[in-house]
């Protein structure tokens, strides 16, 4: 059974990576001329993570804006937390604090990889530290808090791959995870990255509004497959740290998404003077 579980985990992880790498929708922003996935191929970040969009399904299909997505996800979160907050809580226990080193290191490492893929002449230390801080906030604390309530709503005994009803529960769990927490965490990630790169609040908000709908399309191509493995096979006490491994892959993409538009013009001139850099 252990070998079968390991094999299934491997298949799910491979599927997640293939779905993300080969099926990502374009983000709608112009390709950055200095970003590429492989220097030898000269592929831009948008080319690396995008495939041609499918034809339009018709005027009757609703197009959800960033505000619709964030509003619906926020209401869902409030409803879920409200249902359990009277009797449940999540103090900052040692278990939660133990997630901090993993999250900080993996998010910083993902940004380092993204900078290398963008062919940065010098590694921007402040950008790595910003990514690390965002990772600690979103993964180490935020996701630990969210998954506490998600598992109260859909516990392990109703989510498995051993029966049809269990598979249905697991599917509901990973889709809810991507919609609610994916929308909120991606919103925070997009907005905070732009603010920390020097954008004014309004410019960061415009960037979020433009990018969130298409980033959420990529969210559903990657995270449900990865989280099916997380909730199906990984012990509950290791799920936050295991999710940080998936976040490493995801945040290479997020770092490149945030950097494609470049910093705000008024902030660009001061970046080199205030950021610590090392040779790349």
Protein backbone atom coordinates (compact mmCIF):
# COMPACT_ATOMS: atom_id res chain seq x y z
CA UNK A 1 0.00 0.00 0.00
CA UNK A 2 2.90 2.35 0.77
CA UNK A 3 4.44 1.71 -2.65
CA UNK A 4 1.09 2.27 -4.33
CA UNK A 5 0.58 5.52 -2.41
CA UNK A 6 4.07 6.75 -3.35
CA UNK A 7 3.48 5.91 -6.99
CA UNK A 8 0.14 7.71 -6.97
CA UNK A 9 1.75 10.74 -5.32
CA UNK A 10 4.39 10.82 -8.02
CA UNK A 11 1.79 10.66 -10.77
CA UNK A 12 -0.23 13.49 -9.19
CA UNK A 13 2.86 15.69 -8.79
CA UNK A 14 3.91 15.06 -12.39
CA UNK A 15 0.38 15.86 -13.56
CA UNK A 16 0.41 19.12 -11.60
CA UNK A 17 3.70 20.23 -13.12
CA UNK A 18 2.65 19.23 -16.64
CA UNK A 19 -0.73 20.97 -16.28
CA UNK A 20 0.95 24.14 -15.02
CA UNK A 21 3.84 24.23 -17.43
CA UNK A 22 1.95 23.15 -20.53
CA UNK A 23 -1.51 24.52 -19.94
CA UNK A 24 -1.07 27.96 -18.41
CA UNK A 25 -3.13 30.73 -19.90
CA UNK A 26 -1.38 33.95 -20.84
CA UNK A 27 -1.55 36.69 -18.26
CA UNK A 28 -2.62 39.41 -20.67
CA UNK A 29 0.37 41.68 -20.00
CA UNK A 30 2.93 42.38 -22.75
CA UNK A 31 5.92 40.06 -22.66
CA UNK A 32 8.89 41.49 -20.86
CA UNK A 33 11.88 41.70 -23.21
CA UNK A 34 14.36 40.65 -20.52
CA UNK A 35 12.57 37.61 -19.09
CA UNK A 36 13.16 34.11 -20.35
CA UNK A 37 12.82 30.54 -19.21
CA UNK A 38 15.97 29.30 -20.87
CA UNK A 39 18.67 31.59 -22.20
CA UNK A 40 19.37 29.19 -25.04
CA UNK A 41 15.74 29.32 -26.21
CA UNK A 42 15.07 32.98 -25.44
CA UNK A 43 11.55 32.17 -24.23
CA UNK A 44 9.86 35.02 -22.39
CA UNK A 45 8.06 34.44 -19.10
CA UNK A 46 4.70 34.76 -20.85
CA UNK A 47 5.76 32.27 -23.54
CA UNK A 48 7.03 29.84 -20.91
CA UNK A 49 3.82 29.81 -18.91
CA UNK A 50 1.25 30.43 -21.63
CA UNK A 51 -0.45 28.55 -24.43
CA UNK A 52 -2.93 29.95 -26.97
CA UNK A 53 -6.25 30.77 -25.37
CA UNK A 54 -9.18 28.55 -26.31
CA UNK A 55 -11.83 30.13 -28.54
CA UNK A 56 -14.50 32.19 -26.80
CA UNK A 57 -17.41 30.12 -25.56
CA UNK A 58 -20.01 32.77 -26.35
CA UNK A 59 -21.36 35.98 -24.99
CA UNK A 60 -23.46 34.22 -22.38
CA UNK A 61 -20.42 32.96 -20.42
CA UNK A 62 -19.71 35.33 -17.50
CA UNK A 63 -16.25 36.88 -17.23
CA UNK A 64 -15.28 37.32 -13.59
CA UNK A 65 -13.23 40.36 -12.63
CA UNK A 66 -10.63 40.49 -9.88
CA UNK A 67 -13.18 42.25 -7.66
CA UNK A 68 -15.79 39.49 -8.19
CA UNK A 69 -13.24 36.78 -7.40
CA UNK A 70 -11.91 38.50 -4.28
CA UNK A 71 -15.40 39.32 -3.01
CA UNK A 72 -16.69 35.76 -3.44
CA UNK A 73 -13.56 34.24 -1.88
CA UNK A 74 -13.71 36.63 1.08
CA UNK A 75 -17.38 35.87 1.74
CA UNK A 76 -16.65 32.14 1.56
CA UNK A 77 -13.80 32.51 4.04
CA UNK A 78 -15.95 34.52 6.43
CA UNK A 79 -18.70 31.89 6.23
CA UNK A 80 -16.31 28.99 6.88
CA UNK A 81 -14.44 30.69 9.71
CA UNK A 82 -17.67 31.97 11.23
CA UNK A 83 -19.09 28.45 11.35
CA UNK A 84 -16.21 27.20 13.53
CA UNK A 85 -14.85 30.28 15.29
CA UNK A 86 -17.14 29.92 18.29
CA UNK A 87 -15.45 26.69 19.37
CA UNK A 88 -12.24 26.54 17.31
CA UNK A 89 -9.09 28.60 17.31
CA UNK A 90 -5.53 28.52 16.09
CA UNK A 91 -3.04 30.10 18.50
CA UNK A 92 0.50 30.74 17.34
CA UNK A 93 1.75 27.40 18.63
CA UNK A 94 5.30 26.07 18.21
CA UNK A 95 3.97 23.90 15.36
CA UNK A 96 2.93 27.02 13.45
CA UNK A 97 6.23 28.76 14.11
CA UNK A 98 8.10 25.72 12.82
CA UNK A 99 6.71 26.47 9.35
CA UNK A 100 8.55 29.80 9.18
CA UNK A 101 12.06 28.64 8.11
CA UNK A 102 10.72 26.38 5.33
CA UNK A 103 8.35 29.01 3.95
CA UNK A 104 10.90 31.82 4.11
CA UNK A 105 13.65 29.79 2.46
CA UNK A 106 11.48 28.34 -0.33
CA UNK A 107 9.84 31.65 -1.28
CA UNK A 108 13.22 33.39 -1.34
CA UNK A 109 14.66 30.51 -3.38
CA UNK A 110 11.77 30.73 -5.84
CA UNK A 111 12.45 34.42 -6.38
CA UNK A 112 16.15 33.70 -6.88
CA UNK A 113 15.30 31.15 -9.57
CA UNK A 114 12.92 33.65 -11.18
CA UNK A 115 15.63 36.31 -11.27
CA UNK A 116 18.05 33.86 -12.90
CA UNK A 117 15.38 32.96 -15.47
CA UNK A 118 14.89 36.66 -16.14
CA UNK A 119 18.64 36.96 -16.84
CA UNK A 120 19.13 39.60 -14.18
CA UNK A 121 22.69 40.89 -14.28
CA UNK A 122 22.71 41.18 -10.51
CA UNK A 123 20.62 39.37 -7.92
CA UNK A 124 18.34 41.85 -6.14
CA UNK A 125 18.59 40.90 -2.48
CA UNK A 126 15.73 43.14 -1.38
CA UNK A 127 13.39 41.40 -3.84
CA UNK A 128 14.36 38.00 -2.40
CA UNK A 129 13.79 39.23 1.15
CA UNK A 130 10.40 40.64 0.15
CA UNK A 131 9.42 37.29 -1.36
CA UNK A 132 10.58 35.53 1.80
CA UNK A 133 8.51 37.84 4.02
CA UNK A 134 5.44 37.32 1.83
CA UNK A 135 5.98 33.55 2.02
CA UNK A 136 6.14 33.59 5.81
CA UNK A 137 2.97 35.67 6.00
CA UNK A 138 0.97 33.72 3.39
CA UNK A 139 2.24 30.16 3.87
CA UNK A 140 3.63 29.77 7.38
CA UNK A 141 0.83 31.67 9.12
CA UNK A 142 -1.98 32.28 6.62
CA UNK A 143 -2.19 28.83 5.10
CA UNK A 144 -1.79 27.14 8.49
CA UNK A 145 -4.74 29.17 9.74
CA UNK A 146 -6.83 28.48 6.61
CA UNK A 147 -6.16 24.72 6.48
CA UNK A 148 -7.17 24.45 10.14
CA UNK A 149 -10.70 25.52 9.20
CA UNK A 150 -10.75 23.71 5.85
CA UNK A 151 -10.01 20.41 7.55
CA UNK A 152 -12.65 21.09 10.17
CA UNK A 153 -15.14 21.51 7.32
CA UNK A 154 -13.87 18.57 5.21
CA UNK A 155 -11.93 16.19 7.47
CA UNK A 156 -9.73 13.38 6.21
CA UNK A 157 -12.33 10.69 6.80
CA UNK A 158 -14.53 12.13 4.03
CA UNK A 159 -11.63 12.84 1.62
CA UNK A 160 -9.73 9.95 0.07
CA UNK A 161 -9.04 8.11 -3.16
CA UNK A 162 -10.30 4.77 -1.88
CA UNK A 163 -13.99 5.31 -2.72
CA UNK A 164 -16.19 7.39 -4.98
CA UNK A 165 -17.61 9.37 -2.07
CA UNK A 166 -14.11 9.96 -0.70
CA UNK A 167 -12.88 11.09 -4.12
CA UNK A 168 -15.82 13.49 -4.36
CA UNK A 169 -14.94 14.91 -0.93
CA UNK A 170 -11.28 15.28 -1.90
CA UNK A 171 -12.25 17.02 -5.15
CA UNK A 172 -14.49 19.44 -3.25
CA UNK A 173 -11.69 20.11 -0.77
CA UNK A 174 -9.00 20.91 -3.35
CA UNK A 175 -11.36 23.07 -5.44
CA UNK A 176 -12.46 25.02 -2.36
CA UNK A 177 -8.82 25.40 -1.34
CA UNK A 178 -7.89 26.82 -4.76
CA UNK A 179 -10.89 29.13 -5.00
CA UNK A 180 -10.94 30.56 -1.47
CA UNK A 181 -7.33 30.50 -0.32
CA UNK A 182 -5.91 30.66 -3.85
CA UNK A 183 -7.81 33.87 -4.61
CA UNK A 184 -6.89 35.51 -1.32
CA UNK A 185 -3.23 34.45 -1.25
CA UNK A 186 -2.64 35.30 -4.91
CA UNK A 187 -4.27 38.69 -4.38
CA UNK A 188 -2.02 39.37 -1.41
CA UNK A 189 1.02 38.09 -3.29
CA UNK A 190 0.40 40.21 -6.41
CA UNK A 191 -0.38 43.38 -4.45
CA UNK A 192 2.39 43.09 -1.86
CA UNK A 193 5.06 42.25 -4.44
CA UNK A 194 4.23 45.36 -6.42
CA UNK A 195 4.17 47.56 -3.31
CA UNK A 196 7.52 46.19 -2.18
CA UNK A 197 8.96 46.83 -5.63
CA UNK A 198 8.10 50.50 -5.20
CA UNK A 199 4.74 50.88 -6.94
CA UNK A 200 2.25 53.40 -5.56
CA UNK A 201 -0.89 51.90 -4.06
CA UNK A 202 -3.00 52.75 -7.11
CA UNK A 203 -0.54 51.22 -9.58
CA UNK A 204 -0.25 48.06 -7.49
CA UNK A 205 -4.05 47.84 -7.43
CA UNK A 206 -4.26 48.18 -11.21
CA UNK A 207 -1.68 45.43 -11.60
CA UNK A 208 -3.68 43.18 -9.27
CA UNK A 209 -6.92 43.91 -11.11
CA UNK A 210 -5.35 43.09 -14.47
CA UNK A 211 -3.49 39.94 -13.50
CA UNK A 212 -5.64 38.13 -10.92
CA UNK A 213 -8.27 36.61 -13.29
CA UNK A 214 -5.66 34.98 -15.53
CA UNK A 215 -3.40 33.96 -12.64
CA UNK A 216 -6.45 32.20 -11.17
CA UNK A 217 -6.81 30.25 -14.42
CA UNK A 218 -3.26 29.00 -13.87
CA UNK A 219 -4.09 28.37 -10.20
CA UNK A 220 -6.70 25.80 -11.22
CA UNK A 221 -4.29 24.15 -13.65
CA UNK A 222 -1.69 23.52 -10.95
CA UNK A 223 -2.86 23.59 -7.35
CA UNK A 224 -5.81 21.15 -7.39
CA UNK A 225 -3.50 18.40 -8.64
CA UNK A 226 -0.78 19.23 -6.11
CA UNK A 227 -3.22 19.57 -3.22
CA UNK A 228 -4.91 16.28 -4.10
CA UNK A 229 -1.59 14.72 -3.19
CA UNK A 230 -1.25 16.93 -0.10
CA UNK A 231 -4.69 16.13 1.35
CA UNK A 232 -4.74 12.55 0.05
CA UNK A 233 -1.36 11.27 1.22
CA UNK A 234 0.55 13.74 3.43
CA UNK A 235 -0.02 13.58 7.23
CA UNK A 236 -1.88 16.65 8.56
CA UNK A 237 1.06 17.88 10.64
CA UNK A 238 3.29 18.04 7.53
CA UNK A 239 0.85 19.61 5.07
CA UNK A 240 1.82 23.26 5.51
CA UNK A 241 5.50 22.52 4.90
CA UNK A 242 4.72 20.18 2.00
CA UNK A 243 2.55 22.87 0.41
CA UNK A 244 5.54 25.22 0.62
CA UNK A 245 7.32 22.87 -1.82
CA UNK A 246 4.51 23.37 -4.33
CA UNK A 247 4.66 27.08 -3.55
CA UNK A 248 8.31 27.05 -4.66
CA UNK A 249 7.22 26.05 -8.18
CA UNK A 250 4.26 28.43 -8.11
CA UNK A 251 6.23 31.41 -6.81
CA UNK A 252 8.84 31.23 -9.55
CA UNK A 253 5.86 32.04 -11.78
CA UNK A 254 4.47 34.65 -9.38
CA UNK A 255 7.83 36.42 -9.08
CA UNK A 256 8.12 36.59 -12.87
CA UNK A 257 4.51 37.79 -13.14
CA UNK A 258 5.15 40.57 -10.66
CA UNK A 259 8.35 41.68 -12.38
CA UNK A 260 7.10 41.62 -15.99
CA UNK A 261 5.64 45.12 -15.81
CA UNK A 262 8.70 46.48 -14.01
CA UNK A 263 8.66 48.89 -11.06
CA UNK A 264 6.81 52.17 -11.20
CA UNK A 265 8.75 54.80 -13.21
CA UNK A 266 9.08 57.13 -10.23
CA UNK A 267 10.50 54.29 -8.11
CA UNK A 268 12.83 52.84 -10.73
CA UNK A 269 15.51 55.49 -10.38
CA UNK A 270 16.01 54.90 -6.66
CA UNK A 271 16.02 51.11 -6.61
CA UNK A 272 19.70 50.60 -7.39
CA UNK A 273 20.78 52.99 -4.69
CA UNK A 274 18.74 51.44 -1.90
CA UNK A 275 18.80 47.72 -2.70
CA UNK A 276 21.57 45.39 -1.62
CA UNK A 277 22.84 43.38 -4.58
CA UNK A 278 25.29 40.58 -5.18
CA UNK A 279 26.76 39.43 -8.46
CA UNK A 280 24.43 37.10 -10.41
